[in-house]
Amino acid sequence: MAYKNIIAETEDHITLIRLNRPDVMNALSMDLLAELGEALAEAQDNDKVRCIVITGSEKAFAAGADINMMAEKSFVDVFVGDLFTPEEASIMRIRKPIIAAVSGYALGGGCELAMMCDFVIASDTAKFGQPEVNLGVMAGFGGTQRLTKLVGRAKAMDMNLTGRFMDAAEAERSGLVSRVVPAKELMKEAMAAAAKIAEKSMITVMAIKETVNRAEQLPLSEGILFERRVFHSLFASEDQKEGMAAFIEKREPQFRDK
């Protein structure tokens, strides 16, 4: 499908989605978010796709939500229209792994989009922030909630209340990103990670994603029980038999997602 605000390409079991509004540093318009949701749904429904990578440009992953889109809206407009709720749901319903490859600015909605992905690989030029306070509003796409769970209350308060940016090194130390690489290596690293995931059993990969996400919602004892039951359930799959047989036989497994 041809899109106006993103570029989506699928090759070798990986869908790469590139945000493509360079004139406004990939600001997240409703049209862009709608197209992103469509591309993600298409990747989810494509049996050949085993991992998804979302990226922007070298200068900006996404510099925030489109302010021009929101500036004249009233409370009634955003409340009745439930601004950002369907768009968030379209991202969060994806069961296949999503990697964010972030270079340059990931601010406001851009930072929030990155946090909705399963993990973030950042270039050494990346900068993260929730500067909505400078506009007389606050984060509304997960920037107070996901950020607090990832980096803790103190840093989340600092970033949301002052609007300061967090560089890549601090983001890695704080748990916001999984790894930092030189800018010229970003896409190579992200695609290599996606390829590694694509080698695994999709049943197992989706089970891991669901189970890790539950860790944020459940007390430890309930989370451990959920993990164990999902672990038990994987013994009903052919991929478990193949994976363990391949280990014993000292060969690479040939998973069939069954």
C-alpha atoms as a PDB file:
ATOM      1  CA  MET A   1       0.000   0.000   0.000  1.00  0.00           C
ATOM      2  CA  ALA A   2       1.215   3.518  -0.823  1.00  0.00           C
ATOM      3  CA  TYR A   3       1.291   5.965   2.080  1.00  0.00           C
ATOM      4  CA  LYS A   4       1.791   9.728   2.204  1.00  0.00           C
ATOM      5  CA  ASN A   5       3.308  10.126   5.676  1.00  0.00           C
ATOM      6  CA  ILE A   6       5.245   6.903   6.168  1.00  0.00           C
ATOM      7  CA  ILE A   7       7.278   4.481   4.071  1.00  0.00           C
ATOM      8  CA  ALA A   8       6.637   0.787   4.743  1.00  0.00           C
ATOM      9  CA  GLU A   9       8.753  -1.975   3.239  1.00  0.00           C
ATOM     10  CA  THR A  10       8.842  -5.697   3.959  1.00  0.00           C
ATOM     11  CA  GLU A  11      11.881  -7.838   3.247  1.00  0.00           C
ATOM     12  CA  ASP A  12      13.318 -11.005   4.798  1.00  0.00           C
ATOM     13  CA  HIS A  13      10.451 -11.355   7.305  1.00  0.00           C
ATOM     14  CA  ILE A  14      10.895  -7.792   8.625  1.00  0.00           C
ATOM     15  CA  THR A  15       8.626  -4.812   8.028  1.00  0.00           C
ATOM     16  CA  LEU A  16      10.496  -1.513   8.236  1.00  0.00           C
ATOM     17  CA  ILE A  17       8.265   1.525   8.788  1.00  0.00           C
ATOM     18  CA  ARG A  18       9.907   4.912   8.347  1.00  0.00           C
ATOM     19  CA  LEU A  19       8.095   8.044   9.523  1.00  0.00           C
ATOM     20  CA  ASN A  20       8.266  10.445   6.584  1.00  0.00           C
ATOM     21  CA  ARG A  21       7.309  14.054   7.280  1.00  0.00           C
ATOM     22  CA  PRO A  22      10.791  15.579   6.974  1.00  0.00           C
ATOM     23  CA  ASP A  23       9.583  19.190   6.695  1.00  0.00           C
ATOM     24  CA  VAL A  24       8.193  19.047  10.257  1.00  0.00           C
ATOM     25  CA  MET A  25      10.702  16.607  11.794  1.00  0.00           C
ATOM     26  CA  ASN A  26       8.191  13.757  11.537  1.00  0.00           C
ATOM     27  CA  ALA A  27       5.599  15.425  13.757  1.00  0.00           C
ATOM     28  CA  LEU A  28       2.797  12.973  14.470  1.00  0.00           C
ATOM     29  CA  SER A  29      -0.305  14.128  12.621  1.00  0.00           C
ATOM     30  CA  MET A  30      -3.542  12.169  12.775  1.00  0.00           C
ATOM     31  CA  ASP A  31      -2.986  11.127   9.159  1.00  0.00           C
ATOM     32  CA  LEU A  32       0.467   9.785   9.989  1.00  0.00           C
ATOM     33  CA  LEU A  33      -0.831   7.885  13.027  1.00  0.00           C
ATOM     34  CA  ALA A  34      -3.678   6.429  10.967  1.00  0.00           C
ATOM     35  CA  GLU A  35      -1.241   5.250   8.314  1.00  0.00           C
ATOM     36  CA  LEU A  36       1.062   3.831  10.983  1.00  0.00           C
ATOM     37  CA  GLY A  37      -1.849   1.865  12.421  1.00  0.00           C
ATOM     38  CA  GLU A  38      -2.710   0.511   8.968  1.00  0.00           C
ATOM     39  CA  ALA A  39       0.880  -0.508   8.264  1.00  0.00           C
ATOM     40  CA  LEU A  40       1.198  -2.216  11.639  1.00  0.00           C
ATOM     41  CA  ALA A  41      -2.075  -4.090  11.133  1.00  0.00           C
ATOM     42  CA  GLU A  42      -0.912  -5.214   7.702  1.00  0.00           C
ATOM     43  CA  ALA A  43       2.354  -6.483   9.190  1.00  0.00           C
ATOM     44  CA  GLN A  44       0.462  -8.258  11.965  1.00  0.00           C
ATOM     45  CA  ASP A  45      -1.767 -10.022   9.429  1.00  0.00           C
ATOM     46  CA  ASN A  46       1.096 -10.980   7.111  1.00  0.00           C
ATOM     47  CA  ASP A  47       2.293 -14.463   8.052  1.00  0.00           C
ATOM     48  CA  LYS A  48       5.668 -13.769   6.450  1.00  0.00           C
ATOM     49  CA  VAL A  49       6.389 -10.843   8.788  1.00  0.00           C
ATOM     50  CA  ARG A  50       8.080 -11.850  12.022  1.00  0.00           C
ATOM     51  CA  CYS A  51       9.329  -8.512  13.392  1.00  0.00           C
ATOM     52  CA  ILE A  52       8.656  -4.794  12.848  1.00  0.00           C
ATOM     53  CA  VAL A  53      11.066  -1.859  13.034  1.00  0.00           C
ATOM     54  CA  ILE A  54       9.856   1.754  13.320  1.00  0.00           C
ATOM     55  CA  THR A  55      12.303   4.573  12.632  1.00  0.00           C
ATOM     56  CA  GLY A  56      12.433   8.189  11.486  1.00  0.00           C
ATOM     57  CA  SER A  57      15.270  10.207  10.024  1.00  0.00           C
ATOM     58  CA  GLU A  58      18.793  10.833  11.231  1.00  0.00           C
ATOM     59  CA  LYS A  59      17.665  14.221  12.534  1.00  0.00           C
ATOM     60  CA  ALA A  60      14.424  13.187  14.202  1.00  0.00           C
ATOM     61  CA  PHE A  61      12.558  10.022  15.075  1.00  0.00           C
ATOM     62  CA  ALA A  62       9.560  12.282  15.738  1.00  0.00           C
ATOM     63  CA  ALA A  63       9.744  15.716  17.288  1.00  0.00           C
ATOM     64  CA  GLY A  64       6.296  15.478  18.879  1.00  0.00           C
ATOM     65  CA  ALA A  65       2.642  15.540  17.999  1.00  0.00           C
ATOM     66  CA  ASP A  66       1.576  18.013  15.318  1.00  0.00           C
ATOM     67  CA  ILE A  67       0.868  21.227  17.257  1.00  0.00           C
ATOM     68  CA  ASN A  68      -0.941  22.811  14.295  1.00  0.00           C
ATOM     69  CA  MET A  69      -3.400  19.925  14.452  1.00  0.00           C
ATOM     70  CA  MET A  70      -4.188  20.584  18.119  1.00  0.00           C
ATOM     71  CA  ALA A  71      -3.793  24.310  18.690  1.00  0.00           C
ATOM     72  CA  GLU A  72      -7.406  25.359  18.026  1.00  0.00           C
ATOM     73  CA  LYS A  73      -9.134  22.342  19.565  1.00  0.00           C
ATOM     74  CA  SER A  74     -11.336  22.741  22.635  1.00  0.00           C
ATOM     75  CA  PHE A  75     -11.807  20.441  25.610  1.00  0.00           C
ATOM     76  CA  VAL A  76     -15.033  19.198  24.045  1.00  0.00           C
ATOM     77  CA  ASP A  77     -13.219  18.479  20.767  1.00  0.00           C
ATOM     78  CA  VAL A  78     -10.492  16.359  22.333  1.00  0.00           C
ATOM     79  CA  PHE A  79     -12.688  14.734  25.000  1.00  0.00           C
ATOM     80  CA  VAL A  80     -15.592  13.729  22.759  1.00  0.00           C
ATOM     81  CA  GLY A  81     -13.185  12.812  19.951  1.00  0.00           C
ATOM     82  CA  ASP A  82     -11.083  10.866  22.480  1.00  0.00           C
ATOM     83  CA  LEU A  83      -7.858  12.251  21.008  1.00  0.00           C
ATOM     84  CA  PHE A  84      -5.077   9.630  20.682  1.00  0.00           C
ATOM     85  CA  THR A  85      -7.059   6.727  22.201  1.00  0.00           C
ATOM     86  CA  PRO A  86      -7.808   4.800  18.978  1.00  0.00           C
ATOM     87  CA  GLU A  87      -4.328   5.547  17.658  1.00  0.00           C
ATOM     88  CA  GLU A  88      -2.690   4.155  20.782  1.00  0.00           C
ATOM     89  CA  ALA A  89      -4.939   1.089  20.669  1.00  0.00           C
ATOM     90  CA  SER A  90      -3.923   0.369  17.069  1.00  0.00           C
ATOM     91  CA  ILE A  91      -0.278   0.219  18.152  1.00  0.00           C
ATOM     92  CA  MET A  92      -0.753  -1.674  21.390  1.00  0.00           C
ATOM     93  CA  ARG A  93      -2.846  -4.455  19.824  1.00  0.00           C
ATOM     94  CA  ILE A  94       0.110  -5.616  17.702  1.00  0.00           C
ATOM     95  CA  ARG A  95       1.348  -8.960  18.997  1.00  0.00           C
ATOM     96  CA  LYS A  96       4.514  -9.200  16.927  1.00  0.00           C
ATOM     97  CA  PRO A  97       7.684  -7.571  18.304  1.00  0.00           C
ATOM     98  CA  ILE A  98       8.251  -3.902  17.451  1.00  0.00           C
ATOM     99  CA  ILE A  99      11.681  -2.282  17.693  1.00  0.00           C
ATOM    100  CA  ALA A 100      12.069   1.507  17.712  1.00  0.00           C
ATOM    101  CA  ALA A 101      15.277   2.688  16.024  1.00  0.00           C
ATOM    102  CA  VAL A 102      15.716   6.237  17.298  1.00  0.00           C
ATOM    103  CA  SER A 103      18.098   8.886  16.023  1.00  0.00           C
ATOM    104  CA  GLY A 104      17.906  12.580  16.794  1.00  0.00           C
ATOM    105  CA  TYR A 105      14.858  13.997  18.545  1.00  0.00           C
ATOM    106  CA  ALA A 106      12.190  11.784  20.111  1.00  0.00           C
ATOM    107  CA  LEU A 107      10.111  14.380  21.908  1.00  0.00           C
ATOM    108  CA  GLY A 108       6.559  14.459  23.228  1.00  0.00           C
ATOM    109  CA  GLY A 109       4.533  12.090  21.088  1.00  0.00           C
ATOM    110  CA  GLY A 110       7.758  10.848  19.510  1.00  0.00           C
ATOM    111  CA  CYS A 111       9.129   9.748  22.867  1.00  0.00           C
ATOM    112  CA  GLU A 112       5.743   8.226  23.689  1.00  0.00           C
ATOM    113  CA  LEU A 113       5.648   6.312  20.393  1.00  0.00           C
ATOM    114  CA  ALA A 114       9.128   4.928  21.052  1.00  0.00           C
ATOM    115  CA  MET A 115       8.002   3.760  24.497  1.00  0.00           C
ATOM    116  CA  MET A 116       5.044   1.903  22.968  1.00  0.00           C
ATOM    117  CA  CYS A 117       7.503  -0.248  21.037  1.00  0.00           C
ATOM    118  CA  ASP A 118       8.888  -3.350  22.706  1.00  0.00           C
ATOM    119  CA  PHE A 119      12.372  -1.940  23.017  1.00  0.00           C
ATOM    120  CA  VAL A 120      14.386   0.999  21.751  1.00  0.00           C
ATOM    121  CA  ILE A 121      17.764   0.986  20.051  1.00  0.00           C
ATOM    122  CA  ALA A 122      19.105   4.534  20.037  1.00  0.00           C
ATOM    123  CA  SER A 123      21.871   6.275  18.163  1.00  0.00           C
ATOM    124  CA  ASP A 124      24.355   8.314  20.163  1.00  0.00           C
ATOM    125  CA  THR A 125      22.658  11.459  18.825  1.00  0.00           C
ATOM    126  CA  ALA A 126      19.223  10.578  20.244  1.00  0.00           C
ATOM    127  CA  LYS A 127      17.461  12.962  22.616  1.00  0.00           C
ATOM    128  CA  PHE A 128      14.281  12.069  24.499  1.00  0.00           C
ATOM    129  CA  GLY A 129      11.873  14.430  26.205  1.00  0.00           C
ATOM    130  CA  GLN A 130       8.338  15.265  27.297  1.00  0.00           C
ATOM    131  CA  PRO A 131       8.298  19.051  26.802  1.00  0.00           C
ATOM    132  CA  GLU A 132       4.504  19.439  26.664  1.00  0.00           C
ATOM    133  CA  VAL A 133       4.623  21.573  29.811  1.00  0.00           C
ATOM    134  CA  ASN A 134       6.145  24.330  27.670  1.00  0.00           C
ATOM    135  CA  LEU A 135       2.907  24.402  25.662  1.00  0.00           C
ATOM    136  CA  GLY A 136       0.601  24.678  28.652  1.00  0.00           C
ATOM    137  CA  VAL A 137      -0.433  21.028  28.502  1.00  0.00           C
ATOM    138  CA  MET A 138       0.973  17.683  29.629  1.00  0.00           C
ATOM    139  CA  ALA A 139       1.786  14.370  27.995  1.00  0.00           C
ATOM    140  CA  GLY A 140      -1.330  12.589  26.751  1.00  0.00           C
ATOM    141  CA  PHE A 141       0.038   9.586  24.866  1.00  0.00           C
ATOM    142  CA  GLY A 142       1.682   7.746  27.761  1.00  0.00           C
ATOM    143  CA  GLY A 143       4.430  10.182  28.726  1.00  0.00           C
ATOM    144  CA  THR A 144       3.589  10.322  32.421  1.00  0.00           C
ATOM    145  CA  GLN A 145       2.721   6.644  32.774  1.00  0.00           C
ATOM    146  CA  ARG A 146       5.094   4.598  30.609  1.00  0.00           C
ATOM    147  CA  LEU A 147       7.997   6.935  31.306  1.00  0.00           C
ATOM    148  CA  THR A 148       7.514   6.552  35.072  1.00  0.00           C
ATOM    149  CA  LYS A 149       7.459   2.758  34.769  1.00  0.00           C
ATOM    150  CA  LEU A 150      10.614   2.792  32.659  1.00  0.00           C
ATOM    151  CA  VAL A 151      12.826   5.381  34.374  1.00  0.00           C
ATOM    152  CA  GLY A 152      11.235   5.870  37.797  1.00  0.00           C
ATOM    153  CA  ARG A 153       9.275   8.640  39.477  1.00  0.00           C
ATOM    154  CA  ALA A 154      12.104  11.128  39.990  1.00  0.00           C
ATOM    155  CA  LYS A 155      13.315  11.263  36.408  1.00  0.00           C
ATOM    156  CA  ALA A 156       9.772  11.173  35.018  1.00  0.00           C
ATOM    157  CA  MET A 157       8.822  14.123  37.239  1.00  0.00           C
ATOM    158  CA  ASP A 158      11.975  15.974  36.200  1.00  0.00           C
ATOM    159  CA  MET A 159      11.378  15.492  32.490  1.00  0.00           C
ATOM    160  CA  ASN A 160       7.641  16.221  32.567  1.00  0.00           C
ATOM    161  CA  LEU A 161       7.852  19.222  34.910  1.00  0.00           C
ATOM    162  CA  THR A 162      10.911  20.948  33.435  1.00  0.00           C
ATOM    163  CA  GLY A 163      10.676  19.738  29.846  1.00  0.00           C
ATOM    164  CA  ARG A 164      14.385  18.892  29.802  1.00  0.00           C
ATOM    165  CA  PHE A 165      15.796  16.412  27.297  1.00  0.00           C
ATOM    166  CA  MET A 166      17.538  13.158  28.177  1.00  0.00           C
ATOM    167  CA  ASP A 167      20.474  12.212  25.967  1.00  0.00           C
ATOM    168  CA  ALA A 168      21.122   8.694  24.739  1.00  0.00           C
ATOM    169  CA  ALA A 169      23.659   7.805  27.421  1.00  0.00           C
ATOM    170  CA  GLU A 170      21.327   8.838  30.237  1.00  0.00           C
ATOM    171  CA  ALA A 171      18.409   7.098  28.519  1.00  0.00           C
ATOM    172  CA  GLU A 172      20.364   3.838  28.473  1.00  0.00           C
ATOM    173  CA  ARG A 173      21.429   4.202  32.123  1.00  0.00           C
ATOM    174  CA  SER A 174      17.829   4.945  33.088  1.00  0.00           C
ATOM    175  CA  GLY A 175      16.296   1.983  31.278  1.00  0.00           C
ATOM    176  CA  LEU A 176      14.485   3.959  28.585  1.00  0.00           C
ATOM    177  CA  VAL A 177      16.530   2.375  25.791  1.00  0.00           C
ATOM    178  CA  SER A 178      18.084  -1.074  25.549  1.00  0.00           C
ATOM    179  CA  ARG A 179      21.303  -0.071  23.800  1.00  0.00           C
ATOM    180  CA  VAL A 180      23.104   2.893  22.225  1.00  0.00           C
ATOM    181  CA  VAL A 181      25.102   2.625  18.997  1.00  0.00           C
ATOM    182  CA  PRO A 182      26.898   5.111  16.723  1.00  0.00           C
ATOM    183  CA  ALA A 183      24.443   6.924  14.462  1.00  0.00           C
ATOM    184  CA  LYS A 184      25.888   5.372  11.304  1.00  0.00           C
ATOM    185  CA  GLU A 185      25.337   1.887  12.783  1.00  0.00           C
ATOM    186  CA  LEU A 186      21.760   2.418  13.987  1.00  0.00           C
ATOM    187  CA  MET A 187      19.794   0.783  11.203  1.00  0.00           C
ATOM    188  CA  LYS A 188      22.312  -2.035  10.804  1.00  0.00           C
ATOM    189  CA  GLU A 189      21.991  -2.801  14.522  1.00  0.00           C
ATOM    190  CA  ALA A 190      18.195  -2.520  14.557  1.00  0.00           C
ATOM    191  CA  MET A 191      17.741  -4.712  11.503  1.00  0.00           C
ATOM    192  CA  ALA A 192      20.197  -7.275  12.894  1.00  0.00           C
ATOM    193  CA  ALA A 193      18.172  -7.437  16.114  1.00  0.00           C
ATOM    194  CA  ALA A 194      14.972  -7.836  14.099  1.00  0.00           C
ATOM    195  CA  ALA A 195      16.578 -10.605  12.018  1.00  0.00           C
ATOM    196  CA  LYS A 196      17.624 -12.413  15.186  1.00  0.00           C
ATOM    197  CA  ILE A 197      14.053 -12.272  16.485  1.00  0.00           C
ATOM    198  CA  ALA A 198      12.737 -13.419  13.100  1.00  0.00           C
ATOM    199  CA  GLU A 199      14.708 -16.667  13.486  1.00  0.00           C
ATOM    200  CA  LYS A 200      12.724 -17.668  16.569  1.00  0.00           C
ATOM    201  CA  SER A 201       9.375 -19.411  16.949  1.00  0.00           C
ATOM    202  CA  MET A 202       6.669 -16.791  16.469  1.00  0.00           C
ATOM    203  CA  ILE A 203       4.501 -18.593  19.027  1.00  0.00           C
ATOM    204  CA  THR A 204       7.242 -18.228  21.616  1.00  0.00           C
ATOM    205  CA  VAL A 205       8.083 -14.649  20.672  1.00  0.00           C
ATOM    206  CA  MET A 206       4.465 -13.507  21.020  1.00  0.00           C
ATOM    207  CA  ALA A 207       4.161 -15.360  24.338  1.00  0.00           C
ATOM    208  CA  ILE A 208       7.279 -13.597  25.646  1.00  0.00           C
ATOM    209  CA  LYS A 209       5.973 -10.188  24.559  1.00  0.00           C
ATOM    210  CA  GLU A 210       2.639 -10.769  26.277  1.00  0.00           C
ATOM    211  CA  THR A 211       4.269 -12.079  29.447  1.00  0.00           C
ATOM    212  CA  VAL A 212       6.809  -9.261  29.802  1.00  0.00           C
ATOM    213  CA  ASN A 213       4.035  -6.708  29.284  1.00  0.00           C
ATOM    214  CA  ARG A 214       2.030  -8.347  32.085  1.00  0.00           C
ATOM    215  CA  ALA A 215       4.921  -7.653  34.470  1.00  0.00           C
ATOM    216  CA  GLU A 216       3.881  -3.997  34.488  1.00  0.00           C
ATOM    217  CA  GLN A 217       0.298  -4.856  35.413  1.00  0.00           C
ATOM    218  CA  LEU A 218       0.547  -7.638  37.997  1.00  0.00           C
ATOM    219  CA  PRO A 219       2.022  -8.103  41.473  1.00  0.00           C
ATOM    220  CA  LEU A 220       5.159 -10.245  41.391  1.00  0.00           C
ATOM    221  CA  SER A 221       3.464 -13.393  42.679  1.00  0.00           C
ATOM    222  CA  GLU A 222       0.696 -13.177  40.064  1.00  0.00           C
ATOM    223  CA  GLY A 223       3.183 -12.323  37.341  1.00  0.00           C
ATOM    224  CA  ILE A 224       5.318 -15.347  38.193  1.00  0.00           C
ATOM    225  CA  LEU A 225       2.237 -17.578  38.092  1.00  0.00           C
ATOM    226  CA  PHE A 226       1.188 -16.165  34.702  1.00  0.00           C
ATOM    227  CA  GLU A 227       4.726 -16.656  33.380  1.00  0.00           C
ATOM    228  CA  ARG A 228       4.829 -20.245  34.581  1.00  0.00           C
ATOM    229  CA  ARG A 229       1.490 -21.150  33.031  1.00  0.00           C
ATOM    230  CA  VAL A 230       2.507 -19.657  29.690  1.00  0.00           C
ATOM    231  CA  PHE A 231       5.821 -21.526  29.956  1.00  0.00           C
ATOM    232  CA  HIS A 232       3.881 -24.725  30.596  1.00  0.00           C
ATOM    233  CA  SER A 233       1.597 -24.066  27.631  1.00  0.00           C
ATOM    234  CA  LEU A 234       4.521 -23.850  25.201  1.00  0.00           C
ATOM    235  CA  PHE A 235       5.131 -27.560  25.779  1.00  0.00           C
ATOM    236  CA  ALA A 236       2.024 -28.134  23.654  1.00  0.00           C
ATOM    237  CA  SER A 237       3.800 -26.691  20.607  1.00  0.00           C
ATOM    238  CA  GLU A 238       5.800 -28.485  17.950  1.00  0.00           C
ATOM    239  CA  ASP A 239       8.358 -25.685  18.159  1.00  0.00           C
ATOM    240  CA  GLN A 240       9.215 -26.666  21.752  1.00  0.00           C
ATOM    241  CA  LYS A 241       9.918 -30.229  20.627  1.00  0.00           C
ATOM    242  CA  GLU A 242      11.989 -28.989  17.680  1.00  0.00           C
ATOM    243  CA  GLY A 243      13.924 -26.432  19.733  1.00  0.00           C
ATOM    244  CA  MET A 244      14.931 -28.891  22.430  1.00  0.00           C
ATOM    245  CA  ALA A 245      15.691 -31.660  19.942  1.00  0.00           C
ATOM    246  CA  ALA A 246      17.928 -29.280  17.967  1.00  0.00           C
ATOM    247  CA  PHE A 247      19.798 -28.335  21.144  1.00  0.00           C
ATOM    248  CA  ILE A 248      20.402 -31.980  22.049  1.00  0.00           C
ATOM    249  CA  GLU A 249      21.431 -32.806  18.474  1.00  0.00           C
ATOM    250  CA  LYS A 250      23.700 -29.742  18.270  1.00  0.00           C
ATOM    251  CA  ARG A 251      22.024 -28.230  15.200  1.00  0.00           C
ATOM    252  CA  GLU A 252      20.071 -25.098  14.371  1.00  0.00           C
ATOM    253  CA  PRO A 253      16.312 -25.420  15.041  1.00  0.00           C
ATOM    254  CA  GLN A 254      13.827 -25.222  12.176  1.00  0.00           C
ATOM    255  CA  PHE A 255      10.796 -23.606  13.739  1.00  0.00           C
ATOM    256  CA  ARG A 256       7.436 -23.910  11.951  1.00  0.00           C
ATOM    257  CA  ASP A 257       5.228 -21.789  14.257  1.00  0.00           C
ATOM    258  CA  LYS A 258       3.184 -24.802  15.262  1.00  0.00           C
END
